[in-house]
Protein backbone atom coordinates (compact mmCIF):
# COMPACT_ATOMS: atom_id res chain seq x y z
CA MET A 1 66.54 24.95 144.12
CA ARG A 2 63.88 23.87 146.65
CA LYS A 3 61.22 25.85 144.79
CA SER A 4 62.07 24.00 141.56
CA ILE A 5 61.68 20.60 143.25
CA LEU A 6 58.30 21.61 144.69
CA PHE A 7 57.18 22.83 141.28
CA GLU A 8 58.17 19.50 139.68
CA ASP A 9 56.29 17.58 142.43
CA LEU A 10 53.21 19.72 141.88
CA LYS A 11 53.39 19.19 138.11
CA ALA A 12 53.57 15.41 138.60
CA VAL A 13 50.59 15.35 140.96
CA LEU A 14 48.50 17.57 138.64
CA LEU A 15 49.35 15.40 135.65
CA ALA A 16 48.32 12.28 137.57
CA LEU A 17 45.05 13.88 138.59
CA ALA A 18 44.31 14.80 134.96
CA VAL A 19 44.98 11.23 133.79
CA PHE A 20 42.81 9.72 136.50
CA LEU A 21 40.03 12.29 135.94
CA LEU A 22 39.88 11.30 132.29
CA ALA A 23 39.64 7.63 133.29
CA GLY A 24 36.85 8.56 135.69
CA LEU A 25 34.83 10.36 133.06
CA ILE A 26 35.06 7.35 130.82
CA SER A 27 34.08 5.07 133.71
CA MET A 28 30.77 6.87 134.20
CA LYS A 29 29.74 5.82 130.69
CA ALA A 30 31.09 2.31 131.25
CA PHE A 31 28.70 1.39 134.05
CA ALA A 32 25.74 2.71 132.06
CA GLN A 33 26.34 0.07 129.37
CA ASP A 34 26.46 -2.85 131.84
CA VAL A 35 28.43 -5.35 129.74
CA PRO A 36 29.10 -8.48 131.80
CA VAL A 37 32.72 -9.36 132.58
CA PRO A 38 33.61 -13.05 132.08
CA SER A 39 34.36 -14.67 135.44
CA THR A 40 37.95 -15.53 134.51
CA ASP A 41 38.68 -11.89 133.63
CA GLN A 42 36.82 -10.67 136.72
CA ASN A 43 38.87 -12.94 138.95
CA ALA A 44 42.13 -11.92 137.26
CA THR A 45 41.49 -8.18 137.41
CA GLN A 46 40.25 -8.28 140.99
CA ALA A 47 43.39 -10.23 141.92
CA VAL A 48 45.55 -7.48 140.36
CA ILE A 49 43.72 -4.70 142.21
CA GLY A 50 43.70 -6.65 145.47
CA ASP A 51 47.40 -7.38 145.21
CA GLN A 52 48.22 -3.74 144.54
CA LEU A 53 46.16 -2.58 147.53
CA ASN A 54 47.79 -5.22 149.74
CA ALA A 55 51.22 -4.25 148.43
CA PHE A 56 50.62 -0.61 149.36
CA ARG A 57 49.37 -1.73 152.77
CA ALA A 58 52.61 -3.72 153.24
CA ARG A 59 54.67 -0.80 151.83
CA ASP A 60 55.95 -3.08 149.08
CA HIS A 61 56.11 -0.23 146.60
CA ALA A 62 57.86 -2.18 143.85
CA ARG A 63 55.08 -4.80 143.86
CA ALA A 64 52.40 -2.10 143.79
CA TYR A 65 54.16 -0.39 140.87
CA SER A 66 54.39 -3.69 138.97
CA HIS A 67 50.61 -3.57 138.44
CA ALA A 68 50.72 -0.17 136.69
CA ALA A 69 50.17 -0.20 132.93
CA PRO A 70 52.69 1.30 130.50
CA ASN A 71 50.64 4.53 130.22
CA ILE A 72 51.04 5.10 133.98
CA ARG A 73 54.70 4.09 133.95
CA GLY A 74 55.23 6.64 131.19
CA TYR A 75 54.14 9.42 133.53
CA PHE A 76 55.80 8.01 136.64
CA ASP A 77 58.98 6.35 135.45
CA THR A 78 60.25 5.29 138.87
CA VAL A 79 58.73 3.45 141.80
CA GLU A 80 59.45 6.49 143.97
CA LYS A 81 57.59 8.96 141.73
CA PHE A 82 54.61 6.61 141.45
CA THR A 83 54.50 5.95 145.19
CA ASP A 84 54.79 9.65 145.99
CA MET A 85 51.87 10.46 143.68
CA VAL A 86 49.65 7.72 145.14
CA SER A 87 50.46 8.62 148.74
CA ARG A 88 49.69 12.31 148.11
CA ALA A 89 46.62 12.06 145.87
CA TYR A 90 45.12 8.68 146.80
CA GLY A 91 45.60 8.23 150.54
CA ALA A 92 42.94 5.54 150.91
CA ILE A 93 44.61 3.46 148.18
CA TYR A 94 48.03 3.97 149.73
CA SER A 95 46.78 3.07 153.22
CA PRO A 96 43.64 0.97 152.81
CA GLY A 97 41.94 -0.27 155.94
CA SER A 98 39.65 -2.63 154.02
CA PHE A 99 38.12 -2.95 150.57
CA VAL A 100 35.35 -4.81 148.76
CA PHE A 101 34.69 -5.23 145.07
CA GLY A 102 31.53 -3.84 143.53
CA ARG A 103 30.19 -3.58 139.98
CA ASN A 104 32.26 -4.09 136.86
CA THR A 105 31.86 -3.85 133.11
CA ILE A 106 33.82 -3.85 129.86
CA ILE A 107 34.18 -0.99 127.39
CA ASN A 108 36.58 -1.00 124.43
CA SER A 109 38.35 -4.07 125.85
CA GLU A 110 39.06 -2.32 129.17
CA ILE A 111 37.54 -3.54 132.40
CA TYR A 112 36.07 -1.01 134.80
CA GLN A 113 36.00 -2.34 138.36
CA GLU A 114 34.38 -0.55 141.28
CA VAL A 115 36.10 -0.97 144.65
CA ILE A 116 34.71 0.42 147.91
CA ILE A 117 37.70 1.29 150.07
CA THR A 118 37.64 2.19 153.74
CA GLY A 119 40.72 4.20 154.60
CA GLU A 120 42.61 3.88 157.86
CA ASP A 121 40.75 7.02 158.99
CA GLY A 122 37.38 5.25 158.55
CA ARG A 123 36.26 7.29 155.53
CA GLN A 124 34.82 5.34 152.63
CA TRP A 125 35.68 5.88 148.98
CA GLN A 126 34.36 4.59 145.68
CA ALA A 127 37.31 3.83 143.44
CA VAL A 128 36.75 2.90 139.81
CA TYR A 129 39.78 1.12 138.38
CA THR A 130 40.37 0.66 134.67
CA LEU A 131 42.46 -2.30 133.56
CA LYS A 132 43.67 -3.42 130.15
CA ARG A 133 45.00 -6.80 129.04
CA GLN A 134 48.62 -6.55 127.95
CA GLU A 135 50.30 -8.33 125.04
CA ASP A 136 51.66 -10.95 127.46
CA GLY A 137 48.09 -11.72 128.64
CA SER A 138 48.44 -10.01 132.03
CA TRP A 139 46.06 -7.30 133.27
CA LYS A 140 47.51 -3.90 134.25
CA ILE A 141 45.88 -0.90 135.90
CA THR A 142 45.48 2.01 133.47
CA GLY A 143 43.78 4.45 135.84
CA VAL A 144 41.75 5.04 139.00
CA LYS A 145 39.01 7.55 139.73
CA MET A 146 38.03 8.13 143.36
CA ASN A 147 35.01 9.80 144.92
CA PRO A 148 33.68 9.83 148.46
CA TYR A 149 31.37 6.82 148.82
CA LYS A 150 27.73 7.82 149.09
CA GLY A 151 26.27 4.36 149.64
CA ALA A 152 24.63 1.85 147.37
CA ALA A 153 21.80 2.92 145.11
CA VAL A 154 18.64 0.83 145.14
């Protein structure tokens, strides 16, 4: 019984990593095109990301989950499954010390937003969030790709 639960947990984490890796590969092309994001959309999407990070920091898991797009909710159909995946695979997002917004662009009506996150352990990460406008006009997070932060390029 315990082995089956561990296997299901591992499957969920691996599936999440695959989804976020795909978003990351797309994000590399996104920044190369450098399409400006209108300020109203930039403000709205940064507010969504900031609120999710602050919700995780406050351990308000339901609020953090509310910012996930339907594609993410399809993989993680409960707050608990989503929170477990984020805490295991994205520790700096789950426990951010601080964060600042970087570059952003639009590709195929999705916004790609770079966020430099400093985890509670002091390590820095470059997170590239993808967000899509929903039918109700709200922005939801469709994926995140994280890499160790290597500093700004000149």
